[in-house]
Amino acid sequence: MAMLTSIPSWEYQDIALPRGTSREAARQLLTGAADTGRWELATSRVYPDGRRAVTLRRRVYRVTRTD
């Protein structure tokens, strides 16, 4: 009998938020992505000029057959 095993890997999405984006607007955007697409926050960076760079990730399972 063949067994199936899953190997988790990650899918990433980069989001750039322009200068002047409020914390509340950024929170709403990221919360919506988390709720609808099962994304989670991987990294968040705020630059001195006010820009924000956010990387989201979600787990992708690829099923491989083992015989």
Protein backbone atom coordinates (compact mmCIF):
# COMPACT_ATOMS: atom_id res chain seq x y z
CA MET A 1 0.00 0.00 0.00
CA ALA A 2 1.37 3.41 -0.95
CA MET A 3 1.50 6.13 1.67
CA LEU A 4 1.16 9.83 0.97
CA THR A 5 3.31 12.28 2.85
CA SER A 6 3.09 16.06 2.78
CA ILE A 7 6.11 18.31 2.68
CA PRO A 8 5.36 21.85 3.86
CA SER A 9 6.88 24.77 2.02
CA TRP A 10 6.15 28.47 2.06
CA GLU A 11 4.64 30.86 -0.46
CA TYR A 12 5.58 34.53 -0.01
CA GLN A 13 3.91 37.81 -0.95
CA ASP A 14 5.61 41.21 -0.69
CA ILE A 15 3.50 44.30 -0.02
CA ALA A 16 4.78 47.87 -0.22
CA LEU A 17 2.79 50.48 1.65
CA PRO A 18 3.45 54.08 0.63
CA ARG A 19 4.50 56.86 2.93
CA GLY A 20 1.54 58.35 4.74
CA THR A 21 -0.38 55.08 5.10
CA SER A 22 -1.90 55.10 8.56
CA ARG A 23 -1.32 52.26 10.98
CA GLU A 24 -5.05 51.56 10.95
CA ALA A 25 -5.15 51.27 7.15
CA ALA A 26 -2.12 48.95 7.19
CA ARG A 27 -3.72 46.86 9.93
CA GLN A 28 -6.97 46.52 7.97
CA LEU A 29 -5.11 45.47 4.81
CA LEU A 30 -3.05 42.84 6.63
CA THR A 31 -6.01 41.55 8.64
CA GLY A 32 -8.01 41.13 5.44
CA ALA A 33 -5.18 39.17 3.82
CA ALA A 34 -4.87 36.95 6.90
CA ASP A 35 -8.61 36.25 7.06
CA THR A 36 -9.22 35.57 3.37
CA GLY A 37 -5.99 33.97 2.21
CA ARG A 38 -4.56 32.38 5.36
CA TRP A 39 -1.50 34.65 5.17
CA GLU A 40 0.63 35.36 8.21
CA LEU A 41 3.15 38.11 8.83
CA ALA A 42 6.73 37.06 8.07
CA THR A 43 8.55 40.41 8.21
CA SER A 44 7.65 44.06 8.62
CA ARG A 45 9.97 46.97 8.01
CA VAL A 46 9.40 50.71 8.42
CA TYR A 47 11.89 52.96 6.64
CA PRO A 48 12.98 56.40 7.92
CA ASP A 49 11.00 58.14 5.16
CA GLY A 50 7.77 56.44 6.32
CA ARG A 51 7.47 53.68 3.73
CA ARG A 52 6.56 50.21 4.97
CA ALA A 53 7.60 46.90 3.47
CA VAL A 54 5.71 43.82 4.57
CA THR A 55 6.26 40.18 3.65
CA LEU A 56 3.44 37.72 4.18
CA ARG A 57 3.75 33.96 4.03
CA ARG A 58 1.47 30.96 3.97
CA ARG A 59 2.12 27.28 4.07
CA VAL A 60 1.74 25.26 0.90
CA TYR A 61 1.52 21.50 1.17
CA ARG A 62 2.70 19.43 -1.75
CA VAL A 63 1.75 15.81 -1.45
CA THR A 64 4.33 13.28 -2.57
CA ARG A 65 3.77 9.61 -3.02
CA THR A 66 5.98 7.17 -1.16
CA ASP A 67 6.03 3.57 -2.27
